Amino acid sequence: MVGRAPAARNTPLQRFPTAFPLTALLPRNYSFHMAEHDKSSNLDLELKRLEKRLEELVATVHRLKEENRALRARQDSLASEKTTVMNRSEQVRARVEAMIGRLKAMERTA
């Protein structure tokens, strides 16, 4: 039987001639190129998805670095302001204590 699949296989596709190179006896893609195209297409999609995710992560890192920089600057500013307020508070306390001392001295002399 020329042009037919070997008789050893009992598949419904054995009845069709194998003269057509794109016709396969087993269900699969018509050509190796199609199978490779599907794989590379899936790989391209996965790579694009990963690239997008990586870009999102890089943007998040940049945003967090900027936010961290701003927070550190704010912290430095607040620490400086705290020091200034504490110094002024100490000066006011010293002035009030001096005034109280003078008032007590005035009471003793009067």
N, C-alpha and C. Protein backbone atom coordinates (compact mmCIF):
# COMPACT_ATOMS: atom_id res chain seq x y z
N MET A 1 0.83 -1.17 0.00
CA MET A 1 0.00 0.00 0.00
C MET A 1 0.88 1.24 0.00
N VAL A 2 1.05 1.79 -1.10
CA VAL A 2 1.85 3.00 -1.21
C VAL A 2 0.96 4.20 -0.94
N GLY A 3 1.48 5.16 -0.18
CA GLY A 3 0.73 6.38 0.09
C GLY A 3 -0.17 6.28 1.31
N ARG A 4 -0.13 5.16 2.01
CA ARG A 4 -0.93 5.02 3.21
C ARG A 4 -0.02 4.84 4.42
N ALA A 5 -0.58 5.12 5.58
CA ALA A 5 0.17 4.94 6.82
C ALA A 5 0.38 3.45 7.05
N PRO A 6 1.35 3.07 7.82
CA PRO A 6 1.59 1.65 8.09
C PRO A 6 0.36 1.00 8.73
N ALA A 7 0.12 -0.22 8.44
CA ALA A 7 -1.06 -0.93 8.91
C ALA A 7 -0.95 -1.29 10.38
N ALA A 8 0.22 -1.22 10.96
CA ALA A 8 0.42 -1.61 12.34
C ALA A 8 -0.34 -0.68 13.30
N ARG A 9 -0.58 0.53 12.88
CA ARG A 9 -1.32 1.47 13.71
C ARG A 9 -2.80 1.36 13.40
N ASN A 10 -3.60 1.37 14.41
CA ASN A 10 -5.04 1.35 14.21
C ASN A 10 -5.61 2.70 14.62
N THR A 11 -5.42 3.70 13.76
CA THR A 11 -5.99 5.02 14.02
C THR A 11 -6.90 5.39 12.88
N PRO A 12 -7.86 6.27 13.12
CA PRO A 12 -8.77 6.67 12.03
C PRO A 12 -8.05 7.44 10.93
N LEU A 13 -6.90 7.99 11.24
CA LEU A 13 -6.18 8.77 10.24
C LEU A 13 -5.42 7.89 9.23
N GLN A 14 -5.38 6.60 9.45
CA GLN A 14 -4.66 5.72 8.53
C GLN A 14 -5.30 5.67 7.16
N ARG A 15 -6.55 5.99 7.07
CA ARG A 15 -7.24 5.92 5.79
C ARG A 15 -6.82 7.02 4.82
N PHE A 16 -6.27 8.14 5.37
CA PHE A 16 -5.92 9.25 4.52
C PHE A 16 -4.52 9.08 3.96
N PRO A 17 -4.32 9.48 2.72
CA PRO A 17 -2.98 9.33 2.12
C PRO A 17 -2.00 10.29 2.80
N THR A 18 -0.75 9.87 2.86
CA THR A 18 0.30 10.70 3.46
C THR A 18 1.02 11.51 2.40
N ALA A 19 0.44 11.64 1.23
CA ALA A 19 1.07 12.39 0.16
C ALA A 19 1.09 13.88 0.47
N PHE A 20 0.25 14.32 1.37
CA PHE A 20 0.22 15.72 1.75
C PHE A 20 1.16 15.93 2.93
N PRO A 21 2.22 16.69 2.75
CA PRO A 21 3.23 16.80 3.81
C PRO A 21 2.73 17.50 5.08
N LEU A 22 1.69 18.33 4.98
CA LEU A 22 1.21 19.02 6.16
C LEU A 22 0.22 18.18 6.96
N THR A 23 -0.23 17.06 6.41
CA THR A 23 -1.18 16.20 7.10
C THR A 23 -0.38 15.25 7.98
N ALA A 24 -0.71 15.24 9.24
CA ALA A 24 0.01 14.39 10.17
C ALA A 24 -0.89 13.26 10.63
N LEU A 25 -0.28 12.16 11.06
CA LEU A 25 -1.04 11.05 11.58
C LEU A 25 -1.43 11.30 13.05
N LEU A 26 -0.69 12.17 13.71
CA LEU A 26 -1.00 12.50 15.09
C LEU A 26 -1.49 13.93 15.16
N PRO A 27 -2.43 14.20 16.02
CA PRO A 27 -2.90 15.58 16.13
C PRO A 27 -1.82 16.47 16.74
N ARG A 28 -1.39 17.47 16.00
CA ARG A 28 -0.37 18.43 16.44
C ARG A 28 -0.40 19.61 15.49
N ASN A 29 0.46 20.57 15.72
CA ASN A 29 0.54 21.72 14.82
C ASN A 29 0.95 21.27 13.43
N TYR A 30 0.54 22.03 12.42
CA TYR A 30 0.85 21.65 11.06
C TYR A 30 2.34 21.69 10.77
N SER A 31 3.03 22.59 11.42
CA SER A 31 4.46 22.66 11.15
C SER A 31 5.21 22.97 12.42
N PHE A 32 6.47 22.64 12.40
CA PHE A 32 7.35 22.92 13.54
C PHE A 32 7.41 24.41 13.78
N HIS A 33 7.38 25.19 12.71
CA HIS A 33 7.44 26.65 12.83
C HIS A 33 6.25 27.19 13.63
N MET A 34 5.07 26.63 13.42
CA MET A 34 3.91 27.08 14.17
C MET A 34 4.08 26.79 15.65
N ALA A 35 4.59 25.62 15.97
CA ALA A 35 4.80 25.26 17.37
C ALA A 35 5.82 26.19 18.00
N GLU A 36 6.89 26.48 17.29
CA GLU A 36 7.91 27.39 17.79
C GLU A 36 7.36 28.80 17.90
N HIS A 37 6.51 29.18 16.94
CA HIS A 37 5.91 30.52 16.98
C HIS A 37 5.04 30.67 18.23
N ASP A 38 4.25 29.63 18.54
CA ASP A 38 3.41 29.68 19.74
C ASP A 38 4.27 29.80 20.99
N LYS A 39 5.35 29.03 21.05
CA LYS A 39 6.24 29.08 22.21
C LYS A 39 6.89 30.45 22.31
N SER A 40 7.38 30.96 21.19
CA SER A 40 8.04 32.27 21.24
C SER A 40 7.02 33.37 21.51
N SER A 41 5.79 33.20 21.03
CA SER A 41 4.74 34.17 21.30
C SER A 41 4.42 34.19 22.79
N ASN A 42 4.29 33.01 23.39
CA ASN A 42 4.04 32.93 24.82
C ASN A 42 5.22 33.50 25.60
N LEU A 43 6.42 33.19 25.14
CA LEU A 43 7.62 33.72 25.80
C LEU A 43 7.67 35.24 25.68
N ASP A 44 7.33 35.76 24.49
CA ASP A 44 7.30 37.22 24.31
C ASP A 44 6.28 37.87 25.24
N LEU A 45 5.10 37.25 25.35
CA LEU A 45 4.08 37.78 26.25
C LEU A 45 4.55 37.78 27.69
N GLU A 46 5.18 36.69 28.09
CA GLU A 46 5.69 36.59 29.47
C GLU A 46 6.80 37.61 29.70
N LEU A 47 7.68 37.77 28.72
CA LEU A 47 8.75 38.75 28.86
C LEU A 47 8.20 40.17 28.93
N LYS A 48 7.19 40.48 28.13
CA LYS A 48 6.56 41.81 28.18
C LYS A 48 5.89 42.03 29.53
N ARG A 49 5.22 40.99 30.05
CA ARG A 49 4.58 41.09 31.35
C ARG A 49 5.63 41.34 32.44
N LEU A 50 6.73 40.60 32.38
CA LEU A 50 7.80 40.78 33.36
C LEU A 50 8.45 42.15 33.22
N GLU A 51 8.63 42.60 31.97
CA GLU A 51 9.22 43.92 31.74
C GLU A 51 8.34 45.02 32.33
N LYS A 52 7.02 44.90 32.12
CA LYS A 52 6.09 45.88 32.67
C LYS A 52 6.14 45.86 34.19
N ARG A 53 6.17 44.68 34.77
CA ARG A 53 6.22 44.56 36.24
C ARG A 53 7.52 45.15 36.76
N LEU A 54 8.63 44.89 36.05
CA LEU A 54 9.92 45.44 36.47
C LEU A 54 9.90 46.96 36.40
N GLU A 55 9.31 47.52 35.36
CA GLU A 55 9.19 48.98 35.24
C GLU A 55 8.36 49.54 36.39
N GLU A 56 7.28 48.84 36.75
CA GLU A 56 6.47 49.28 37.88
C GLU A 56 7.27 49.25 39.17
N LEU A 57 8.05 48.19 39.36
CA LEU A 57 8.86 48.09 40.57
C LEU A 57 9.94 49.17 40.62
N VAL A 58 10.56 49.44 39.49
CA VAL A 58 11.58 50.50 39.43
C VAL A 58 10.94 51.85 39.76
N ALA A 59 9.77 52.11 39.21
CA ALA A 59 9.06 53.36 39.49
C ALA A 59 8.71 53.44 40.98
N THR A 60 8.30 52.32 41.55
CA THR A 60 7.98 52.30 42.99
C THR A 60 9.21 52.57 43.82
N VAL A 61 10.34 51.98 43.44
CA VAL A 61 11.59 52.21 44.16
C VAL A 61 11.97 53.69 44.10
N HIS A 62 11.86 54.29 42.90
CA HIS A 62 12.19 55.71 42.76
C HIS A 62 11.25 56.58 43.61
N ARG A 63 9.96 56.25 43.60
CA ARG A 63 8.99 57.01 44.38
C ARG A 63 9.30 56.88 45.87
N LEU A 64 9.60 55.65 46.31
CA LEU A 64 9.91 55.44 47.73
C LEU A 64 11.21 56.12 48.14
N LYS A 65 12.20 56.13 47.25
CA LYS A 65 13.45 56.83 47.56
C LYS A 65 13.20 58.32 47.72
N GLU A 66 12.40 58.88 46.82
CA GLU A 66 12.08 60.32 46.91
C GLU A 66 11.29 60.61 48.17
N GLU A 67 10.32 59.76 48.47
CA GLU A 67 9.53 59.94 49.69
C GLU A 67 10.42 59.82 50.93
N ASN A 68 11.33 58.87 50.93
CA ASN A 68 12.27 58.68 52.03
C ASN A 68 13.16 59.92 52.19
N ARG A 69 13.63 60.46 51.07
CA ARG A 69 14.47 61.66 51.12
C ARG A 69 13.69 62.83 51.72
N ALA A 70 12.44 62.99 51.28
CA ALA A 70 11.61 64.07 51.80
C ALA A 70 11.33 63.89 53.29
N LEU A 71 11.07 62.66 53.71
CA LEU A 71 10.82 62.39 55.13
C LEU A 71 12.06 62.66 55.98
N ARG A 72 13.23 62.29 55.47
CA ARG A 72 14.47 62.56 56.21
C ARG A 72 14.71 64.07 56.33
N ALA A 73 14.43 64.79 55.24
CA ALA A 73 14.59 66.25 55.28
C ALA A 73 13.61 66.84 56.29
N ARG A 74 12.39 66.35 56.31
CA ARG A 74 11.38 66.83 57.27
C ARG A 74 11.81 66.50 58.70
N GLN A 75 12.35 65.31 58.89
CA GLN A 75 12.82 64.90 60.21
C GLN A 75 13.96 65.82 60.68
N ASP A 76 14.90 66.11 59.78
CA ASP A 76 16.00 67.01 60.12
C ASP A 76 15.47 68.40 60.48
N SER A 77 14.50 68.87 59.71
CA SER A 77 13.90 70.18 59.96
C SER A 77 13.22 70.20 61.33
N LEU A 78 12.46 69.16 61.62
CA LEU A 78 11.77 69.09 62.92
C LEU A 78 12.75 68.97 64.08
N ALA A 79 13.83 68.23 63.89
CA ALA A 79 14.84 68.11 64.95
C ALA A 79 15.49 69.46 65.21
N SER A 80 15.76 70.20 64.15
CA SER A 80 16.34 71.54 64.30
C SER A 80 15.35 72.47 65.01
N GLU A 81 14.09 72.38 64.61
CA GLU A 81 13.06 73.21 65.24
C GLU A 81 12.92 72.86 66.72
N LYS A 82 12.98 71.58 67.04
CA LYS A 82 12.89 71.13 68.43
C LYS A 82 14.04 71.73 69.25
N THR A 83 15.25 71.69 68.69
CA THR A 83 16.41 72.24 69.38
C THR A 83 16.21 73.74 69.63
N THR A 84 15.71 74.44 68.63
CA THR A 84 15.46 75.88 68.77
C THR A 84 14.43 76.14 69.86
N VAL A 85 13.34 75.39 69.85
CA VAL A 85 12.28 75.57 70.85
C VAL A 85 12.81 75.25 72.25
N MET A 86 13.60 74.20 72.37
CA MET A 86 14.15 73.84 73.68
C MET A 86 15.09 74.94 74.19
N ASN A 87 15.91 75.49 73.30
CA ASN A 87 16.81 76.58 73.70
C ASN A 87 16.01 77.81 74.15
N ARG A 88 14.98 78.16 73.40
CA ARG A 88 14.15 79.31 73.78
C ARG A 88 13.45 79.03 75.11
N SER A 89 12.96 77.82 75.27
CA SER A 89 12.29 77.44 76.51
C SER A 89 13.25 77.57 77.69
N GLU A 90 14.47 77.12 77.50
CA GLU A 90 15.49 77.25 78.56
C GLU A 90 15.78 78.72 78.87
N GLN A 91 15.85 79.54 77.84
CA GLN A 91 16.08 80.98 78.05
C GLN A 91 14.92 81.61 78.82
N VAL A 92 13.69 81.26 78.46
CA VAL A 92 12.51 81.79 79.14
C VAL A 92 12.50 81.32 80.59
N ARG A 93 12.80 80.05 80.82
CA ARG A 93 12.83 79.52 82.18
C ARG A 93 13.86 80.28 83.03
N ALA A 94 15.03 80.52 82.45
CA ALA A 94 16.08 81.25 83.18
C ALA A 94 15.62 82.68 83.48
N ARG A 95 14.96 83.32 82.54
CA ARG A 95 14.47 84.69 82.77
C ARG A 95 13.41 84.72 83.87
N VAL A 96 12.48 83.75 83.82
CA VAL A 96 11.41 83.69 84.83
C VAL A 96 12.01 83.44 86.21
N GLU A 97 12.99 82.53 86.31
CA GLU A 97 13.64 82.27 87.60
C GLU A 97 14.35 83.53 88.11
N ALA A 98 14.96 84.27 87.21
CA ALA A 98 15.64 85.51 87.60
C ALA A 98 14.63 86.54 88.11
N MET A 99 13.49 86.64 87.43
CA MET A 99 12.46 87.58 87.85
C MET A 99 11.92 87.19 89.23
N ILE A 100 11.69 85.90 89.43
CA ILE A 100 11.19 85.42 90.73
C ILE A 100 12.21 85.76 91.83
N GLY A 101 13.50 85.55 91.50
CA GLY A 101 14.56 85.87 92.47
C GLY A 101 14.55 87.36 92.81
N ARG A 102 14.39 88.19 91.80
CA ARG A 102 14.36 89.64 92.06
C ARG A 102 13.13 90.02 92.89
N LEU A 103 11.96 89.42 92.57
CA LEU A 103 10.75 89.71 93.33
C LEU A 103 10.91 89.31 94.80
N LYS A 104 11.50 88.15 95.05
CA LYS A 104 11.74 87.70 96.43
C LYS A 104 12.70 88.66 97.13
N ALA A 105 13.70 89.10 96.41
CA ALA A 105 14.65 90.04 96.99
C ALA A 105 13.97 91.35 97.31
N MET A 106 13.06 91.81 96.48
CA MET A 106 12.34 93.06 96.71
C MET A 106 11.42 92.92 97.93
N GLU A 107 10.81 91.73 98.12
CA GLU A 107 9.94 91.49 99.27
C GLU A 107 10.74 91.55 100.57
N ARG A 108 11.94 91.00 100.55
CA ARG A 108 12.77 90.97 101.76
C ARG A 108 13.20 92.37 102.17
N THR A 109 13.47 93.19 101.17
CA THR A 109 13.92 94.54 101.47
C THR A 109 12.77 95.48 101.82
N ALA A 110 11.60 95.12 101.46
CA ALA A 110 10.47 96.02 101.70
C ALA A 110 9.84 95.84 103.03
